[in-house]
Amino acid sequence: MLIVDRFEGEYAVCEDSETLAVRNIPKVLLPKGLREGDCLLEREGDYVIDAGETLRRRRKARELLEKLY
């Protein structure tokens, strides 16, 4: 699974959650509406947003922040 770290020009900088390798993927290859922090799955050369995993990670991050404050 890939996690969108940031956007730089025409690329999305993504981190592979297993290997921690960073990949620059042209935005034109990615789904519309993609945001920083979204999780992506690569299927047969296409990229799809993993909405369930994205939501799970955002909730976990929110919970951790709430514990700090």
Protein backbone atom coordinates (compact mmCIF):
# COMPACT_ATOMS: atom_id res chain seq x y z
CA MET A 1 0.00 0.00 0.00
CA LEU A 2 1.13 3.53 -0.76
CA ILE A 3 0.47 6.57 1.40
CA VAL A 4 0.45 10.04 -0.16
CA ASP A 5 2.95 12.17 1.73
CA ARG A 6 2.78 15.35 -0.34
CA PHE A 7 2.47 16.81 -3.80
CA GLU A 8 5.43 18.35 -5.63
CA GLY A 9 4.64 19.91 -8.98
CA GLU A 10 3.18 17.25 -11.25
CA TYR A 11 3.99 14.39 -8.86
CA ALA A 12 2.56 12.81 -5.74
CA VAL A 13 5.30 11.73 -3.35
CA CYS A 14 4.16 8.42 -1.88
CA GLU A 15 5.65 6.12 0.72
CA ASP A 16 5.32 2.36 0.50
CA SER A 17 3.96 1.31 3.91
CA GLU A 18 5.86 -2.00 3.86
CA THR A 19 9.29 -1.06 2.52
CA LEU A 20 9.22 2.68 3.41
CA ALA A 21 10.55 3.36 -0.10
CA VAL A 22 9.50 6.69 -1.59
CA ARG A 23 7.98 6.85 -5.08
CA ASN A 24 7.16 9.87 -7.20
CA ILE A 25 4.02 9.10 -9.19
CA PRO A 26 2.72 11.44 -11.90
CA LYS A 27 -0.58 12.99 -10.79
CA VAL A 28 -2.17 12.18 -14.16
CA LEU A 29 -2.01 8.48 -13.23
CA LEU A 30 -3.80 8.95 -9.92
CA PRO A 31 -7.50 9.22 -9.04
CA LYS A 32 -9.16 12.64 -8.98
CA GLY A 33 -9.66 14.14 -5.53
CA LEU A 34 -6.57 12.48 -4.05
CA ARG A 35 -5.33 14.20 -0.89
CA GLU A 36 -2.29 14.07 1.35
CA GLY A 37 -2.60 11.15 3.74
CA ASP A 38 -4.76 9.06 1.41
CA CYS A 39 -3.90 5.38 1.04
CA LEU A 40 -3.53 3.95 -2.45
CA LEU A 41 -3.62 0.45 -3.81
CA GLU A 42 -1.97 -0.42 -7.11
CA ARG A 43 -4.04 -2.87 -9.14
CA GLU A 44 -2.97 -3.98 -12.58
CA GLY A 45 -1.20 -0.71 -13.27
CA ASP A 46 -4.04 1.47 -11.97
CA TYR A 47 -4.20 3.28 -8.65
CA VAL A 48 -7.30 3.31 -6.45
CA ILE A 49 -7.92 5.04 -3.15
CA ASP A 50 -8.34 2.64 -0.25
CA ALA A 51 -11.06 4.66 1.49
CA GLY A 52 -11.41 2.23 4.40
CA GLU A 53 -7.72 2.24 5.28
CA THR A 54 -7.50 6.01 4.81
CA LEU A 55 -10.38 6.51 7.24
CA ARG A 56 -8.90 4.07 9.75
CA ARG A 57 -5.54 5.87 9.72
CA ARG A 58 -7.13 9.32 10.05
CA ARG A 59 -9.21 8.16 13.03
CA LYS A 60 -6.17 6.65 14.71
CA ALA A 61 -4.17 9.87 14.20
CA ARG A 62 -7.05 11.92 15.63
CA GLU A 63 -7.26 9.62 18.67
CA LEU A 64 -3.54 9.95 19.31
CA LEU A 65 -3.73 13.75 19.07
CA GLU A 66 -6.67 13.83 21.48
CA LYS A 67 -4.66 11.81 24.01
CA LEU A 68 -1.88 14.41 23.85
CA TYR A 69 -4.22 17.29 24.62
